[in-house]
Amino acid sequence: MAGERIAKYLMNGFNKTVSSNFLFGIVTSIDPIKIKIEGLPELEPSQIILSDNVKEKKIKIPTEEKSNHKHKINTLITSPSGEDNHTHEITAFETMEALPEITLWGNLKINDKVFIIQSNDKQLFYVMEVLKDDTKK
């Protein structure tokens, strides 16, 4: 796991003290992954460790095979009623099958702002999570 890898680098080998920097960066490239942190050269893929929180995560939705089907709803016109004796028409449609999976969160994107932990030796950067701008509504 990436968390175990970064923990080894954050620990100062023998005396088990932890000293790290908490930084913020912006994703500048996806393939290969590159991140810019103010005041530092752009991070290269060999310096970056991605947590599971910034990798696409999908989960399958369990369904019974028998329940994974569609229904066809035929056109329906209601009986006249109301003050003006009007009718309503429901157009024919098919229902959808159950979703096979859902995406909990997506991959990093260019311009994503990320929270990063820098290792003791300042050579590795662990990308913890994407920072969302909650002020946009």
Foldseek 3Di string as FASTA:
>chain_A
DLVVVQLVQQQPPPPRDGDKDKFKWFFADVVVTWIDTPPDPIDGNVQEDEDPQQAKDKDFDDDDPVQFDKDKDDKDWAFQDDDVRDIDIDHIDMDHGPDGMDIPDHHDDGGFMFIWMAGPVRRHIYTDHTDDDPVPD
